[in-house]
Amino acid sequence: ERPVVLGAERLRVQVLVADDGLCQLFSQPADDPAAPFTLHASGTVRPGGVPLGHVDPAGARQGLAELSMPEVHARVRAAGLAYGPAFRGLTALWDGARTVGRLELPASAEVEGAAISPAVLDAAVQAAIASPAAGPGLPFEVARYRVRDGARAAWVVVERPAPGVSDVTVLDEHGVPTAELV
């Protein structure tokens, strides 16, 4: 499996989910439909698991420094990413021993039938990228992903259990986790 390289080349992306829960992410050059697909990620999708715990967003921000949003956007641009209005859902960011971000997405970012909007996940990853503690680079591997259906995201908490590793938890307004990327 190889990371997806973002650049000038346009890619066709395909996600396959089998009946047994095997999930795979592939890409192919968009201008060459005869080119082979490259496998970038694979995992297993399954219901259930350990319930996600509650996090107090106010308590999680204690002792952290608030970053200016122009600085946050500059860090994200420095990582090589540019975002349109639907993907600017990260509206405040506090950083220190962990990173906490406020998420406010336009109604147009909601995806009917999706447990969680891709714009929410993208904004959550932006919080991890924009943190000075994260260092340079983009995330390219997710070991585990869990989502709870039906809740609107409002916060993201990023913990760093080891150098180069970010655990991302998306919370609703009351601090109940709606998704985890670890």
Protein backbone atom coordinates (compact mmCIF):
# COMPACT_ATOMS: atom_id res chain seq x y z
CA GLU A 1 0.00 0.00 0.00
CA ARG A 2 1.28 3.46 -0.90
CA PRO A 3 0.26 6.97 0.23
CA VAL A 4 -1.73 9.05 -2.26
CA VAL A 5 0.58 11.71 -3.69
CA LEU A 6 -1.18 15.02 -4.19
CA GLY A 7 0.12 17.14 -7.03
CA ALA A 8 -0.65 18.38 -10.49
CA GLU A 9 -1.84 14.96 -11.68
CA ARG A 10 -5.61 14.48 -11.50
CA LEU A 11 -6.67 11.16 -10.03
CA ARG A 12 -9.73 8.95 -10.24
CA VAL A 13 -10.36 7.55 -6.75
CA GLN A 14 -12.29 4.37 -6.06
CA VAL A 15 -13.35 2.96 -2.69
CA LEU A 16 -14.52 -0.65 -2.58
CA VAL A 17 -16.37 -2.17 0.36
CA ALA A 18 -16.96 -5.92 0.22
CA ASP A 19 -19.77 -7.83 1.95
CA ASP A 20 -17.27 -9.12 4.54
CA GLY A 21 -16.32 -5.52 5.47
CA LEU A 22 -13.02 -5.34 3.59
CA CYS A 23 -12.59 -1.71 2.49
CA GLN A 24 -9.94 -0.62 -0.03
CA LEU A 25 -8.96 2.77 -1.49
CA PHE A 26 -7.48 2.86 -5.01
CA SER A 27 -6.45 5.61 -7.43
CA GLN A 28 -5.74 5.78 -11.14
CA PRO A 29 -4.55 8.66 -13.36
CA ALA A 30 -7.75 10.45 -14.46
CA ASP A 31 -6.53 10.88 -18.03
CA ASP A 32 -5.60 7.19 -18.53
CA PRO A 33 -8.52 4.79 -17.93
CA ALA A 34 -6.35 1.89 -19.13
CA ALA A 35 -3.75 2.48 -16.39
CA PRO A 36 -3.80 0.07 -13.47
CA PHE A 37 -5.33 1.15 -10.17
CA THR A 38 -2.91 1.63 -7.24
CA LEU A 39 -3.94 0.35 -3.79
CA HIS A 40 -3.42 3.07 -1.15
CA ALA A 41 -5.27 1.81 1.89
CA SER A 42 -7.20 -1.17 3.15
CA GLY A 43 -9.05 -2.00 6.31
CA THR A 44 -12.15 -3.60 7.72
CA VAL A 45 -15.48 -1.88 8.23
CA ARG A 46 -17.61 -3.37 10.98
CA PRO A 47 -20.42 -2.25 13.27
CA GLY A 48 -20.12 -1.94 17.03
CA GLY A 49 -16.97 -1.80 19.08
CA VAL A 50 -16.16 -0.07 22.33
CA PRO A 51 -18.40 2.95 22.97
CA LEU A 52 -16.72 6.29 22.37
CA GLY A 53 -16.13 8.25 25.59
CA HIS A 54 -17.26 11.80 26.49
CA VAL A 55 -14.82 14.76 26.26
CA ASP A 56 -15.39 18.20 27.81
CA PRO A 57 -14.43 20.69 25.03
CA ALA A 58 -13.91 23.55 27.53
CA GLY A 59 -11.72 21.40 29.77
CA ALA A 60 -9.75 20.08 26.80
CA ARG A 61 -8.85 23.69 25.83
CA GLN A 62 -7.49 24.64 29.26
CA GLY A 63 -3.82 25.59 29.15
CA LEU A 64 -3.74 25.76 25.36
CA ALA A 65 -2.84 28.83 23.28
CA GLU A 66 -5.40 30.05 20.76
CA LEU A 67 -3.93 30.39 17.27
CA SER A 68 -5.04 33.08 14.83
CA MET A 69 -7.06 31.68 11.95
CA PRO A 70 -4.86 33.47 9.34
CA GLU A 71 -1.89 31.59 10.88
CA VAL A 72 -3.86 28.33 10.78
CA HIS A 73 -4.80 28.83 7.11
CA ALA A 74 -1.16 29.70 6.29
CA ARG A 75 0.04 26.46 7.92
CA VAL A 76 -2.50 24.43 5.94
CA ARG A 77 -1.45 26.19 2.70
CA ALA A 78 2.21 25.53 3.58
CA ALA A 79 1.33 21.83 3.74
CA GLY A 80 0.26 22.15 0.09
CA LEU A 81 -3.51 22.26 0.58
CA ALA A 82 -6.00 24.86 -0.70
CA TYR A 83 -9.64 24.90 0.37
CA GLY A 84 -12.86 26.38 -0.94
CA PRO A 85 -15.64 27.68 1.33
CA ALA A 86 -17.28 24.29 1.99
CA PHE A 87 -14.00 22.97 3.38
CA ARG A 88 -13.24 25.85 5.74
CA GLY A 89 -15.14 24.39 8.66
CA LEU A 90 -12.30 24.83 11.15
CA THR A 91 -13.12 28.21 12.74
CA ALA A 92 -10.94 28.32 15.88
CA LEU A 93 -7.88 26.38 17.05
CA TRP A 94 -6.12 25.99 20.41
CA ASP A 95 -2.74 24.26 20.57
CA GLY A 96 -0.30 22.97 23.15
CA ALA A 97 -0.07 19.51 24.71
CA ARG A 98 -3.03 18.63 22.46
CA THR A 99 -4.95 20.50 19.75
CA VAL A 100 -8.62 21.49 20.04
CA GLY A 101 -10.57 22.99 17.16
CA ARG A 102 -14.04 24.46 16.73
CA LEU A 103 -15.96 23.14 13.72
CA GLU A 104 -18.73 25.16 12.07
CA LEU A 105 -19.82 23.87 8.70
CA PRO A 106 -22.28 25.41 6.25
CA ALA A 107 -25.46 23.43 5.60
CA SER A 108 -24.16 22.84 2.06
CA ALA A 109 -21.38 20.67 3.55
CA GLU A 110 -23.87 18.09 4.85
CA VAL A 111 -24.17 14.94 2.76
CA GLU A 112 -27.56 13.24 2.77
CA GLY A 113 -27.34 9.64 3.89
CA ALA A 114 -23.77 9.98 5.20
CA ALA A 115 -23.06 9.21 8.85
CA ILE A 116 -20.64 12.16 8.86
CA SER A 117 -19.84 14.73 6.19
CA PRO A 118 -16.49 14.45 4.39
CA ALA A 119 -16.10 18.19 5.08
CA VAL A 120 -16.22 17.44 8.83
CA LEU A 121 -13.47 14.83 8.54
CA ASP A 122 -11.44 17.18 6.37
CA ALA A 123 -11.77 20.03 8.89
CA ALA A 124 -10.73 17.65 11.67
CA VAL A 125 -7.61 16.63 9.76
CA GLN A 126 -6.85 20.32 9.10
CA ALA A 127 -6.67 20.78 12.88
CA ALA A 128 -4.00 18.08 13.05
CA ILE A 129 -2.05 19.57 10.12
CA ALA A 130 -2.23 23.18 11.36
CA SER A 131 -0.79 22.45 14.79
CA PRO A 132 2.81 23.64 15.21
CA ALA A 133 3.37 20.52 17.36
CA ALA A 134 2.49 18.25 14.43
CA GLY A 135 5.54 19.22 12.39
CA PRO A 136 5.61 19.17 8.60
CA GLY A 137 3.75 16.59 6.57
CA LEU A 138 0.33 15.24 5.75
CA PRO A 139 -1.44 12.28 7.33
CA PHE A 140 -1.48 9.26 5.06
CA GLU A 141 -2.44 6.32 7.24
CA VAL A 142 -5.49 5.64 9.39
CA ALA A 143 -5.19 2.57 11.61
CA ARG A 144 -8.76 2.71 12.91
CA TYR A 145 -11.84 4.76 12.02
CA ARG A 146 -15.09 4.75 14.02
CA VAL A 147 -18.19 6.85 13.46
CA ARG A 148 -21.46 7.32 15.34
CA ASP A 149 -24.34 8.16 13.03
CA GLY A 150 -26.73 11.03 13.43
CA ALA A 151 -24.77 13.69 15.34
CA ARG A 152 -23.59 17.06 14.09
CA ALA A 153 -19.89 17.71 14.67
CA ALA A 154 -18.83 20.81 16.62
CA TRP A 155 -15.34 20.14 18.02
CA VAL A 156 -12.18 18.20 17.23
CA VAL A 157 -9.53 17.07 19.72
CA VAL A 158 -6.13 15.93 18.43
CA GLU A 159 -3.86 13.97 20.79
CA ARG A 160 -0.30 12.98 19.87
CA PRO A 161 0.59 9.68 21.61
CA ALA A 162 3.93 9.43 19.74
CA PRO A 163 6.03 11.55 17.35
CA GLY A 164 4.37 11.66 13.92
CA VAL A 165 1.13 10.12 15.24
CA SER A 166 -2.15 12.03 15.66
CA ASP A 167 -5.32 10.59 17.17
CA VAL A 168 -8.27 12.69 15.97
CA THR A 169 -11.63 12.68 17.78
CA VAL A 170 -14.62 14.62 16.40
CA LEU A 171 -17.18 15.69 19.04
CA ASP A 172 -20.72 17.00 18.98
CA GLU A 173 -21.69 20.19 20.85
CA HIS A 174 -21.91 18.29 24.16
CA GLY A 175 -18.54 16.55 23.86
CA VAL A 176 -19.91 13.18 22.75
CA PRO A 177 -17.58 11.69 20.12
CA THR A 178 -19.07 11.33 16.65
CA ALA A 179 -15.93 9.96 14.95
CA GLU A 180 -12.39 8.81 15.68
CA LEU A 181 -9.41 8.56 13.34
CA VAL A 182 -6.41 6.88 14.97
